[in-house]
Amino acid sequence: MAKVKITQVKSLIDRSQRQKDTVKALGLKKMNDTVTKEVTPQIQGMINKVAHLVTVEEA
């Protein structure tokens, strides 16, 4: 499977609890934190829900 690098670029302040939980589930803890994940339908759905808070690059 393909891998992607996910980086949090916006703050979670004033975001819904659902968005905060989704970012945490992706493994991101703070601004400019980066994780590498394999692309699965579940991960892709999570990225789509918080796309305005993260950037995604092919790894």
PDB file of N, CA and C in Angstrom:
ATOM      1  N   MET A   1       0.836  -1.189   0.000  1.00  0.00           N
ATOM      2  CA  MET A   1       0.000   0.000   0.000  1.00  0.00           C
ATOM      3  C   MET A   1       0.878   1.249   0.000  1.00  0.00           C
ATOM      4  N   ALA A   2       0.308   2.334  -0.443  1.00  0.00           N
ATOM      5  CA  ALA A   2       1.021   3.606  -0.474  1.00  0.00           C
ATOM      6  C   ALA A   2       1.090   4.199   0.928  1.00  0.00           C
ATOM      7  N   LYS A   3       2.100   5.018   1.136  1.00  0.00           N
ATOM      8  CA  LYS A   3       2.237   5.704   2.419  1.00  0.00           C
ATOM      9  C   LYS A   3       2.121   7.204   2.197  1.00  0.00           C
ATOM     10  N   VAL A   4       1.621   7.897   3.220  1.00  0.00           N
ATOM     11  CA  VAL A   4       1.506   9.341   3.159  1.00  0.00           C
ATOM     12  C   VAL A   4       2.076   9.942   4.434  1.00  0.00           C
ATOM     13  N   LYS A   5       2.624  11.163   4.295  1.00  0.00           N
ATOM     14  CA  LYS A   5       3.076  11.933   5.441  1.00  0.00           C
ATOM     15  C   LYS A   5       1.996  12.955   5.752  1.00  0.00           C
ATOM     16  N   ILE A   6       1.509  12.952   6.981  1.00  0.00           N
ATOM     17  CA  ILE A   6       0.447  13.856   7.410  1.00  0.00           C
ATOM     18  C   ILE A   6       1.050  14.824   8.417  1.00  0.00           C
ATOM     19  N   THR A   7       0.892  16.129   8.159  1.00  0.00           N
ATOM     20  CA  THR A   7       1.438  17.165   9.029  1.00  0.00           C
ATOM     21  C   THR A   7       0.312  18.089   9.474  1.00  0.00           C
ATOM     22  N   GLN A   8       0.212  18.325  10.779  1.00  0.00           N
ATOM     23  CA  GLN A   8      -0.787  19.266  11.297  1.00  0.00           C
ATOM     24  C   GLN A   8      -0.263  20.681  11.101  1.00  0.00           C
ATOM     25  N   VAL A   9      -1.038  21.522  10.396  1.00  0.00           N
ATOM     26  CA  VAL A   9      -0.588  22.869  10.099  1.00  0.00           C
ATOM     27  C   VAL A   9      -1.456  23.948  10.742  1.00  0.00           C
ATOM     28  N   LYS A  10      -2.600  23.564  11.295  1.00  0.00           N
ATOM     29  CA  LYS A  10      -3.462  24.527  11.968  1.00  0.00           C
ATOM     30  C   LYS A  10      -3.786  24.046  13.369  1.00  0.00           C
ATOM     31  N   SER A  11      -4.085  24.993  14.245  1.00  0.00           N
ATOM     32  CA  SER A  11      -4.364  24.710  15.644  1.00  0.00           C
ATOM     33  C   SER A  11      -5.730  24.059  15.827  1.00  0.00           C
ATOM     34  N   LEU A  12      -5.860  23.329  16.921  1.00  0.00           N
ATOM     35  CA  LEU A  12      -7.128  22.699  17.263  1.00  0.00           C
ATOM     36  C   LEU A  12      -7.987  23.578  18.165  1.00  0.00           C
ATOM     37  N   ILE A  13      -7.501  24.757  18.512  1.00  0.00           N
ATOM     38  CA  ILE A  13      -8.285  25.678  19.336  1.00  0.00           C
ATOM     39  C   ILE A  13      -9.535  26.087  18.570  1.00  0.00           C
ATOM     40  N   ASP A  14     -10.669  26.080  19.236  1.00  0.00           N
ATOM     41  CA  ASP A  14     -11.980  26.418  18.667  1.00  0.00           C
ATOM     42  C   ASP A  14     -12.450  25.420  17.609  1.00  0.00           C
ATOM     43  N   ARG A  15     -12.007  24.191  17.690  1.00  0.00           N
ATOM     44  CA  ARG A  15     -12.486  23.130  16.801  1.00  0.00           C
ATOM     45  C   ARG A  15     -13.404  22.221  17.599  1.00  0.00           C
ATOM     46  N   SER A  16     -14.257  21.480  16.896  1.00  0.00           N
ATOM     47  CA  SER A  16     -15.171  20.576  17.587  1.00  0.00           C
ATOM     48  C   SER A  16     -14.382  19.425  18.219  1.00  0.00           C
ATOM     49  N   GLN A  17     -14.976  18.821  19.239  1.00  0.00           N
ATOM     50  CA  GLN A  17     -14.320  17.701  19.909  1.00  0.00           C
ATOM     51  C   GLN A  17     -14.097  16.545  18.945  1.00  0.00           C
ATOM     52  N   ARG A  18     -15.003  16.386  18.006  1.00  0.00           N
ATOM     53  CA  ARG A  18     -14.870  15.309  17.017  1.00  0.00           C
ATOM     54  C   ARG A  18     -13.619  15.493  16.162  1.00  0.00           C
ATOM     55  N   GLN A  19     -13.350  16.750  15.743  1.00  0.00           N
ATOM     56  CA  GLN A  19     -12.153  17.020  14.949  1.00  0.00           C
ATOM     57  C   GLN A  19     -10.894  16.823  15.789  1.00  0.00           C
ATOM     58  N   LYS A  20     -10.929  17.243  17.048  1.00  0.00           N
ATOM     59  CA  LYS A  20      -9.779  17.046  17.939  1.00  0.00           C
ATOM     60  C   LYS A  20      -9.481  15.561  18.106  1.00  0.00           C
ATOM     61  N   ASP A  21     -10.534  14.767  18.290  1.00  0.00           N
ATOM     62  CA  ASP A  21     -10.363  13.326  18.463  1.00  0.00           C
ATOM     63  C   ASP A  21      -9.807  12.675  17.196  1.00  0.00           C
ATOM     64  N   THR A  22     -10.246  13.145  16.038  1.00  0.00           N
ATOM     65  CA  THR A  22      -9.770  12.593  14.770  1.00  0.00           C
ATOM     66  C   THR A  22      -8.288  12.884  14.576  1.00  0.00           C
ATOM     67  N   VAL A  23      -7.864  14.099  14.868  1.00  0.00           N
ATOM     68  CA  VAL A  23      -6.443  14.460  14.734  1.00  0.00           C
ATOM     69  C   VAL A  23      -5.605  13.631  15.709  1.00  0.00           C
ATOM     70  N   LYS A  24      -6.114  13.456  16.925  1.00  0.00           N
ATOM     71  CA  LYS A  24      -5.403  12.641  17.911  1.00  0.00           C
ATOM     72  C   LYS A  24      -5.301  11.193  17.449  1.00  0.00           C
ATOM     73  N   ALA A  25      -6.371  10.666  16.854  1.00  0.00           N
ATOM     74  CA  ALA A  25      -6.374   9.285  16.367  1.00  0.00           C
ATOM     75  C   ALA A  25      -5.387   9.091  15.213  1.00  0.00           C
ATOM     76  N   LEU A  26      -5.122  10.147  14.467  1.00  0.00           N
ATOM     77  CA  LEU A  26      -4.111  10.071  13.404  1.00  0.00           C
ATOM     78  C   LEU A  26      -2.698  10.048  13.972  1.00  0.00           C
ATOM     79  N   GLY A  27      -2.556  10.357  15.255  1.00  0.00           N
ATOM     80  CA  GLY A  27      -1.244  10.317  15.898  1.00  0.00           C
ATOM     81  C   GLY A  27      -0.573  11.668  15.999  1.00  0.00           C
ATOM     82  N   LEU A  28      -1.309  12.735  15.713  1.00  0.00           N
ATOM     83  CA  LEU A  28      -0.746  14.083  15.775  1.00  0.00           C
ATOM     84  C   LEU A  28      -0.998  14.668  17.155  1.00  0.00           C
ATOM     85  N   LYS A  29       0.038  15.297  17.732  1.00  0.00           N
ATOM     86  CA  LYS A  29      -0.083  15.807  19.091  1.00  0.00           C
ATOM     87  C   LYS A  29      -0.068  17.333  19.165  1.00  0.00           C
ATOM     88  N   LYS A  30       0.640  17.970  18.246  1.00  0.00           N
ATOM     89  CA  LYS A  30       0.752  19.427  18.288  1.00  0.00           C
ATOM     90  C   LYS A  30       1.036  19.958  16.892  1.00  0.00           C
ATOM     91  N   MET A  31       1.081  21.266  16.768  1.00  0.00           N
ATOM     92  CA  MET A  31       1.323  21.905  15.478  1.00  0.00           C
ATOM     93  C   MET A  31       2.668  21.452  14.901  1.00  0.00           C
ATOM     94  N   ASN A  32       2.707  21.314  13.592  1.00  0.00           N
ATOM     95  CA  ASN A  32       3.901  20.911  12.834  1.00  0.00           C
ATOM     96  C   ASN A  32       4.392  19.505  13.178  1.00  0.00           C
ATOM     97  N   ASP A  33       3.565  18.719  13.829  1.00  0.00           N
ATOM     98  CA  ASP A  33       3.869  17.322  14.093  1.00  0.00           C
ATOM     99  C   ASP A  33       3.576  16.526  12.823  1.00  0.00           C
ATOM    100  N   THR A  34       4.425  15.562  12.498  1.00  0.00           N
ATOM    101  CA  THR A  34       4.273  14.778  11.269  1.00  0.00           C
ATOM    102  C   THR A  34       4.259  13.293  11.596  1.00  0.00           C
ATOM    103  N   VAL A  35       3.366  12.563  10.949  1.00  0.00           N
ATOM    104  CA  VAL A  35       3.323  11.106  11.069  1.00  0.00           C
ATOM    105  C   VAL A  35       3.255  10.509   9.672  1.00  0.00           C
ATOM    106  N   THR A  36       3.715   9.268   9.547  1.00  0.00           N
ATOM    107  CA  THR A  36       3.636   8.535   8.288  1.00  0.00           C
ATOM    108  C   THR A  36       2.673   7.376   8.482  1.00  0.00           C
ATOM    109  N   LYS A  37       1.687   7.290   7.604  1.00  0.00           N
ATOM    110  CA  LYS A  37       0.660   6.247   7.698  1.00  0.00           C
ATOM    111  C   LYS A  37       0.483   5.580   6.345  1.00  0.00           C
ATOM    112  N   GLU A  38       0.053   4.320   6.377  1.00  0.00           N
ATOM    113  CA  GLU A  38      -0.343   3.645   5.146  1.00  0.00           C
ATOM    114  C   GLU A  38      -1.751   4.093   4.784  1.00  0.00           C
ATOM    115  N   VAL A  39      -2.008   4.232   3.496  1.00  0.00           N
ATOM    116  CA  VAL A  39      -3.323   4.691   3.041  1.00  0.00           C
ATOM    117  C   VAL A  39      -4.286   3.510   3.069  1.00  0.00           C
ATOM    118  N   THR A  40      -5.277   3.621   3.936  1.00  0.00           N
ATOM    119  CA  THR A  40      -6.383   2.663   3.998  1.00  0.00           C
ATOM    120  C   THR A  40      -7.658   3.474   3.878  1.00  0.00           C
ATOM    121  N   PRO A  41      -8.778   2.855   3.613  1.00  0.00           N
ATOM    122  CA  PRO A  41     -10.034   3.623   3.548  1.00  0.00           C
ATOM    123  C   PRO A  41     -10.328   4.363   4.854  1.00  0.00           C
ATOM    124  N   GLN A  42      -9.963   3.768   5.990  1.00  0.00           N
ATOM    125  CA  GLN A  42     -10.218   4.409   7.277  1.00  0.00           C
ATOM    126  C   GLN A  42      -9.358   5.658   7.452  1.00  0.00           C
ATOM    127  N   ILE A  43      -8.080   5.547   7.143  1.00  0.00           N
ATOM    128  CA  ILE A  43      -7.162   6.684   7.271  1.00  0.00           C
ATOM    129  C   ILE A  43      -7.555   7.772   6.276  1.00  0.00           C
ATOM    130  N   GLN A  44      -7.910   7.393   5.058  1.00  0.00           N
ATOM    131  CA  GLN A  44      -8.309   8.376   4.050  1.00  0.00           C
ATOM    132  C   GLN A  44      -9.549   9.141   4.500  1.00  0.00           C
ATOM    133  N   GLY A  45     -10.498   8.452   5.113  1.00  0.00           N
ATOM    134  CA  GLY A  45     -11.698   9.113   5.620  1.00  0.00           C
ATOM    135  C   GLY A  45     -11.374  10.094   6.731  1.00  0.00           C
ATOM    136  N   MET A  46     -10.448   9.722   7.611  1.00  0.00           N
ATOM    137  CA  MET A  46     -10.044  10.613   8.699  1.00  0.00           C
ATOM    138  C   MET A  46      -9.359  11.859   8.139  1.00  0.00           C
ATOM    139  N   ILE A  47      -8.509  11.665   7.136  1.00  0.00           N
ATOM    140  CA  ILE A  47      -7.820  12.799   6.511  1.00  0.00           C
ATOM    141  C   ILE A  47      -8.838  13.732   5.865  1.00  0.00           C
ATOM    142  N   ASN A  48      -9.840  13.179   5.194  1.00  0.00           N
ATOM    143  CA  ASN A  48     -10.860  14.006   4.547  1.00  0.00           C
ATOM    144  C   ASN A  48     -11.628  14.850   5.545  1.00  0.00           C
ATOM    145  N   LYS A  49     -11.886  14.315   6.746  1.00  0.00           N
ATOM    146  CA  LYS A  49     -12.655  15.042   7.759  1.00  0.00           C
ATOM    147  C   LYS A  49     -11.892  16.220   8.344  1.00  0.00           C
ATOM    148  N   VAL A  50     -10.559  16.141   8.372  1.00  0.00           N
ATOM    149  CA  VAL A  50      -9.769  17.223   8.952  1.00  0.00           C
ATOM    150  C   VAL A  50      -8.790  17.806   7.925  1.00  0.00           C
ATOM    151  N   ALA A  51      -9.160  17.757   6.662  1.00  0.00           N
ATOM    152  CA  ALA A  51      -8.282  18.221   5.583  1.00  0.00           C
ATOM    153  C   ALA A  51      -7.890  19.689   5.736  1.00  0.00           C
ATOM    154  N   HIS A  52      -8.756  20.484   6.377  1.00  0.00           N
ATOM    155  CA  HIS A  52      -8.471  21.909   6.551  1.00  0.00           C
ATOM    156  C   HIS A  52      -7.453  22.154   7.665  1.00  0.00           C
ATOM    157  N   LEU A  53      -7.095  21.122   8.415  1.00  0.00           N
ATOM    158  CA  LEU A  53      -6.143  21.260   9.515  1.00  0.00           C
ATOM    159  C   LEU A  53      -4.787  20.621   9.222  1.00  0.00           C
ATOM    160  N   VAL A  54      -4.717  19.802   8.186  1.00  0.00           N
ATOM    161  CA  VAL A  54      -3.499  19.055   7.891  1.00  0.00           C
ATOM    162  C   VAL A  54      -3.089  19.195   6.432  1.00  0.00           C
ATOM    163  N   THR A  55      -1.820  18.883   6.170  1.00  0.00           N
ATOM    164  CA  THR A  55      -1.347  18.743   4.796  1.00  0.00           C
ATOM    165  C   THR A  55      -0.919  17.292   4.611  1.00  0.00           C
ATOM    166  N   VAL A  56      -1.064  16.785   3.401  1.00  0.00           N
ATOM    167  CA  VAL A  56      -0.762  15.388   3.108  1.00  0.00           C
ATOM    168  C   VAL A  56       0.188  15.342   1.922  1.00  0.00           C
ATOM    169  N   GLU A  57       1.261  14.543   2.062  1.00  0.00           N
ATOM    170  CA  GLU A  57       2.244  14.355   0.995  1.00  0.00           C
ATOM    171  C   GLU A  57       2.461  12.875   0.782  1.00  0.00           C
ATOM    172  N   GLU A  58       2.783  12.482  -0.433  1.00  0.00           N
ATOM    173  CA  GLU A  58       3.159  11.095  -0.699  1.00  0.00           C
ATOM    174  C   GLU A  58       4.493  10.815  -0.034  1.00  0.00           C
ATOM    175  N   ALA A  59       4.628   9.634   0.538  1.00  0.00           N
ATOM    176  CA  ALA A  59       5.904   9.283   1.205  1.00  0.00           C
ATOM    177  C   ALA A  59       6.620   8.199   0.410  1.00  0.00           C
TER     178      ALA A  59
END
